[in-house]
Amino acid sequence: MPLCLTFIDLKKVFDSVETEAVIEALGNQGVPTQYTRMLCELYDSFTTRISQFDGGYLHHLRFADDILLITPNIEQEERMPAEFDNACGKISLRLNLTKTMFMKNGLVPDAPFTLNGTNVSECSSYVYQGREVNMMDDLAPELCRRKRAAWGAFKNIEGVVKKTKNVCLRVHLFDTAVLPALTYASETWTLRKQDDRAFSVAHRALERTMLGSSLYTQVQKEIRSSKLRQRTKIRDAVVYARKVQVGRTHYAI
């Protein structure tokens, strides 16, 4: 089906506010504790599940100021942002047209996309809510991003996990810092066998580094990966990624 996606960016909007800061601010303003306690309970173990909207297609996604408009053609793609821009103007918000972008699939004819007299840039991929999306539904670029994020997370805890002899602490640090970085947004993935392998290879490399080992040493000493896993006791990334997909609703772009 024809599909256009417009990624809206707003000027001067703050959407990264720590929950603790919100609760503290409410307390300072004299908000009754039963309300702040209720908010804390809502945030605790909070999850989101997307389902069909009255049996129809999704037409937009909104997360704070990260807004995605979904339409079947350029004409509607121009109309919806214009209406949104007018509504934003009433509350002193403005669209950042230099960062607002759109993408379309091959079923949508080429046509200029303008908003307030400014051409909106077309892109082949876009990072939305921390997940790189593209019209080809190609997972490879996102897996590369996840690998880089996992290595970055590992660097932050590398000194501790290599020095500590406390296995429980090491497992806890790895599974709470590195695993989430590696599997972020995995509930939206469609993993093929080759993706499973690439994902597992990246996870094993992190595991070896945590043990101060290398692939060369592992092969030379004929150490099976399962033996390393028995030593580290960390969770399997592929199994974890597939587990979080259970019960999800998948929308193929």
Protein backbone atom coordinates (compact mmCIF):
# COMPACT_ATOMS: atom_id res chain seq x y z
CA MET A 1 0.00 0.00 0.00
CA PRO A 2 1.19 3.60 -0.59
CA LEU A 3 2.83 4.97 2.53
CA CYS A 4 4.29 8.32 3.56
CA LEU A 5 5.90 9.02 6.92
CA THR A 6 6.54 12.54 8.19
CA PHE A 7 8.82 12.95 11.20
CA ILE A 8 7.91 16.19 12.98
CA ASP A 9 10.45 18.13 15.01
CA LEU A 10 9.41 21.01 17.26
CA LYS A 11 11.54 23.97 18.32
CA LYS A 12 12.52 24.47 21.96
CA VAL A 13 10.56 21.61 23.49
CA PHE A 14 11.96 19.68 26.44
CA ASP A 15 10.88 16.05 26.52
CA SER A 16 13.62 14.50 28.68
CA VAL A 17 12.50 15.06 32.25
CA GLU A 18 13.51 12.69 35.02
CA THR A 19 10.53 11.11 36.78
CA GLU A 20 12.12 11.81 40.17
CA ALA A 21 12.36 15.52 39.31
CA VAL A 22 8.66 15.62 38.38
CA ILE A 23 7.64 13.92 41.63
CA GLU A 24 9.85 16.26 43.65
CA ALA A 25 8.44 19.33 41.90
CA LEU A 26 4.87 18.17 42.58
CA GLY A 27 5.73 17.69 46.25
CA ASN A 28 7.30 21.15 46.46
CA GLN A 29 4.10 22.65 45.04
CA GLY A 30 2.00 21.01 47.74
CA VAL A 31 0.34 18.33 45.60
CA PRO A 32 -1.28 15.74 47.92
CA THR A 33 0.87 12.66 48.47
CA GLN A 34 -1.86 10.29 47.27
CA TYR A 35 -1.55 11.78 43.78
CA THR A 36 2.24 11.65 43.67
CA ARG A 37 2.15 8.10 45.02
CA MET A 38 -0.29 7.15 42.27
CA LEU A 39 2.07 8.62 39.65
CA CYS A 40 4.97 6.63 41.09
CA GLU A 41 2.91 3.45 40.85
CA LEU A 42 2.01 4.25 37.23
CA TYR A 43 5.66 4.69 36.27
CA ASP A 44 6.76 1.55 38.11
CA SER A 45 7.13 -1.35 35.62
CA PHE A 46 5.24 0.68 33.00
CA THR A 47 4.91 -0.94 29.56
CA THR A 48 3.18 0.04 26.31
CA ARG A 49 1.35 -2.17 23.85
CA ILE A 50 0.05 -0.99 20.45
CA SER A 51 -3.14 -2.53 19.10
CA GLN A 52 -5.50 -1.76 16.24
CA PHE A 53 -7.27 1.59 16.47
CA ASP A 54 -11.01 0.93 16.01
CA GLY A 55 -10.11 -1.72 13.44
CA GLY A 56 -8.32 0.83 11.24
CA TYR A 57 -4.77 1.85 10.38
CA LEU A 58 -2.65 4.00 12.63
CA HIS A 59 -2.50 7.55 11.31
CA HIS A 60 -0.01 9.06 13.73
CA LEU A 61 2.26 8.24 16.65
CA ARG A 62 2.94 10.76 19.40
CA PHE A 63 5.60 10.52 22.10
CA ALA A 64 6.05 13.95 23.72
CA ASP A 65 7.39 16.08 20.84
CA ASP A 66 8.53 13.07 18.76
CA ILE A 67 5.63 12.94 16.32
CA LEU A 68 5.20 10.70 13.30
CA LEU A 69 2.40 11.35 10.79
CA ILE A 70 1.31 8.43 8.60
CA THR A 71 -0.53 9.05 5.32
CA PRO A 72 -1.05 7.30 1.94
CA ASN A 73 0.01 10.22 -0.30
CA ILE A 74 1.91 13.51 -0.48
CA GLU A 75 -1.28 15.61 -0.55
CA GLN A 76 -2.40 14.37 2.86
CA GLU A 77 1.21 14.49 4.01
CA GLU A 78 1.22 18.23 3.34
CA ARG A 79 -2.23 18.87 4.83
CA MET A 80 -1.73 17.11 8.18
CA PRO A 81 1.53 18.91 9.15
CA ALA A 82 -0.02 22.23 8.11
CA GLU A 83 -3.01 21.61 10.39
CA PHE A 84 -0.67 20.47 13.14
CA ASP A 85 1.48 23.58 12.72
CA ASN A 86 -1.58 25.82 13.03
CA ALA A 87 -2.63 24.03 16.23
CA CYS A 88 0.90 24.33 17.66
CA GLY A 89 0.93 28.06 16.94
CA LYS A 90 -1.98 28.53 19.32
CA ILE A 91 0.18 27.33 22.24
CA SER A 92 3.38 29.09 21.09
CA LEU A 93 5.03 25.99 19.60
CA ARG A 94 6.68 26.02 16.18
CA LEU A 95 7.83 23.32 13.80
CA ASN A 96 11.55 23.04 13.14
CA LEU A 97 11.44 22.71 9.35
CA THR A 98 15.18 22.12 9.06
CA LYS A 99 14.83 18.88 11.05
CA THR A 100 11.34 17.83 9.95
CA MET A 101 11.71 15.11 7.29
CA PHE A 102 9.63 12.61 5.35
CA MET A 103 10.06 9.30 3.59
CA LYS A 104 7.83 7.37 1.21
CA ASN A 105 7.71 3.95 -0.37
CA GLY A 106 7.83 3.15 -4.09
CA LEU A 107 4.04 3.19 -4.45
CA VAL A 108 3.86 6.94 -3.81
CA PRO A 109 4.52 9.11 -6.91
CA ASP A 110 7.31 11.67 -6.71
CA ALA A 111 6.02 15.11 -5.80
CA PRO A 112 7.40 18.14 -3.97
CA PHE A 113 6.51 18.37 -0.29
CA THR A 114 6.33 21.92 1.00
CA LEU A 115 5.21 23.36 4.32
CA ASN A 116 4.83 27.10 4.88
CA GLY A 117 6.65 27.66 1.61
CA THR A 118 9.64 25.56 2.70
CA ASN A 119 10.62 22.29 1.04
CA VAL A 120 10.61 19.38 3.47
CA SER A 121 13.63 17.10 3.01
CA GLU A 122 13.11 13.48 1.98
CA CYS A 123 15.18 10.82 3.76
CA SER A 124 15.79 7.11 3.19
CA SER A 125 16.03 6.32 6.91
CA TYR A 126 15.29 8.08 10.18
CA VAL A 127 16.00 7.41 13.86
CA TYR A 128 12.63 7.58 15.61
CA GLN A 129 12.38 6.88 19.34
CA GLY A 130 15.92 5.51 19.26
CA ARG A 131 15.15 3.02 16.47
CA GLU A 132 16.32 3.48 12.87
CA VAL A 133 13.43 2.93 10.45
CA ASN A 134 13.45 2.65 6.66
CA MET A 135 10.97 1.72 3.96
CA MET A 136 12.87 -1.46 3.08
CA ASP A 137 12.35 -2.77 6.63
CA ASP A 138 16.09 -3.50 6.58
CA LEU A 139 17.21 -4.34 10.10
CA ALA A 140 20.96 -4.34 9.36
CA PRO A 141 21.55 -0.59 10.01
CA GLU A 142 19.67 -0.78 13.32
CA LEU A 143 21.64 -3.85 14.42
CA CYS A 144 24.87 -1.94 13.74
CA ARG A 145 23.60 0.93 15.89
CA ARG A 146 22.69 -1.50 18.67
CA LYS A 147 26.17 -3.05 18.58
CA ARG A 148 27.82 0.37 18.90
CA ALA A 149 25.48 1.28 21.76
CA ALA A 150 26.26 -1.99 23.55
CA TRP A 151 30.01 -1.45 23.28
CA GLY A 152 29.55 2.09 24.56
CA ALA A 153 27.56 0.79 27.53
CA PHE A 154 30.18 -1.89 28.18
CA LYS A 155 33.00 0.67 28.25
CA ASN A 156 31.21 2.41 31.12
CA ILE A 157 31.30 -0.71 33.30
CA GLU A 158 34.37 -2.47 31.87
CA GLY A 159 36.67 -1.63 34.76
CA VAL A 160 34.29 -3.04 37.35
CA VAL A 161 33.22 -6.22 35.55
CA LYS A 162 36.82 -7.17 34.77
CA LYS A 163 38.07 -6.65 38.31
CA THR A 164 35.22 -7.95 40.43
CA LYS A 165 35.15 -11.57 41.53
CA ASN A 166 31.51 -11.22 42.51
CA VAL A 167 29.74 -13.15 39.75
CA CYS A 168 26.30 -11.88 40.74
CA LEU A 169 27.47 -8.25 40.57
CA ARG A 170 29.11 -8.82 37.18
CA VAL A 171 25.99 -10.46 35.76
CA HIS A 172 23.78 -7.72 37.18
CA LEU A 173 25.90 -4.93 35.67
CA PHE A 174 26.12 -6.59 32.27
CA ASP A 175 22.44 -7.54 32.03
CA THR A 176 21.20 -4.15 33.23
CA ALA A 177 23.60 -1.93 31.25
CA VAL A 178 24.78 -3.78 28.15
CA LEU A 179 21.87 -6.09 27.32
CA PRO A 180 19.24 -3.29 27.19
CA ALA A 181 21.53 -1.22 24.94
CA LEU A 182 22.00 -4.19 22.61
CA THR A 183 18.32 -5.17 22.47
CA TYR A 184 16.65 -1.74 22.61
CA ALA A 185 13.37 -1.74 20.62
CA SER A 186 13.83 -5.43 19.79
CA GLU A 187 10.08 -5.92 20.20
CA THR A 188 9.75 -4.16 16.81
CA TRP A 189 12.27 -6.39 15.04
CA THR A 190 11.66 -9.25 12.64
CA LEU A 191 14.78 -11.35 13.16
CA ARG A 192 15.92 -13.69 10.39
CA LYS A 193 18.42 -16.50 10.93
CA GLN A 194 21.30 -14.37 9.63
CA ASP A 195 20.23 -11.57 11.99
CA ASP A 196 20.21 -14.02 14.89
CA ARG A 197 23.75 -15.06 14.05
CA ALA A 198 25.06 -11.49 13.66
CA PHE A 199 23.38 -10.53 16.92
CA SER A 200 24.80 -13.54 18.74
CA VAL A 201 28.32 -12.89 17.40
CA ALA A 202 28.23 -9.34 18.77
CA HIS A 203 27.01 -10.56 22.15
CA ARG A 204 29.69 -13.26 22.33
CA ALA A 205 32.39 -10.69 21.55
CA LEU A 206 31.24 -8.57 24.48
CA GLU A 207 31.18 -11.66 26.67
CA ARG A 208 34.76 -12.59 25.75
CA THR A 209 35.96 -9.06 26.41
CA MET A 210 34.35 -9.14 29.84
CA LEU A 211 36.39 -12.27 30.60
CA GLY A 212 39.58 -10.71 29.20
CA SER A 213 39.66 -13.29 26.43
CA SER A 214 39.57 -13.17 22.61
CA LEU A 215 38.19 -15.22 19.75
CA TYR A 216 41.73 -16.35 18.87
CA THR A 217 42.29 -17.64 22.41
CA GLN A 218 38.91 -19.33 22.46
CA VAL A 219 39.60 -21.15 19.18
CA GLN A 220 43.19 -22.01 20.12
CA LYS A 221 42.12 -23.55 23.43
CA GLU A 222 39.04 -25.14 21.86
CA ILE A 223 36.71 -23.52 24.37
CA ARG A 224 33.06 -23.82 23.39
CA SER A 225 30.87 -20.74 23.67
CA SER A 226 28.56 -22.66 25.98
CA LYS A 227 31.46 -23.05 28.43
CA LEU A 228 32.05 -19.31 28.43
CA ARG A 229 28.35 -18.76 29.07
CA GLN A 230 28.57 -21.06 32.10
CA ARG A 231 31.35 -18.86 33.45
CA THR A 232 29.69 -15.50 32.80
CA LYS A 233 26.11 -16.59 33.57
CA ILE A 234 24.75 -13.65 31.55
CA ARG A 235 21.44 -13.84 29.69
CA ASP A 236 21.41 -14.87 26.04
CA ALA A 237 20.72 -11.78 23.91
CA VAL A 238 18.90 -13.59 21.08
CA VAL A 239 16.65 -15.47 23.50
CA TYR A 240 15.96 -12.23 25.36
CA ALA A 241 15.15 -10.33 22.14
CA ARG A 242 12.72 -13.01 21.01
CA LYS A 243 11.12 -13.19 24.44
CA VAL A 244 10.21 -9.50 24.47
CA GLN A 245 8.56 -9.95 21.07
CA VAL A 246 5.94 -12.26 22.57
CA GLY A 247 2.57 -10.55 22.55
CA ARG A 248 3.73 -7.64 20.41
CA THR A 249 1.79 -6.22 17.46
CA HIS A 250 4.02 -5.89 14.40
CA TYR A 251 3.37 -3.33 11.72
CA ALA A 252 5.45 -3.95 8.61
CA ILE A 253 6.45 -0.78 6.78
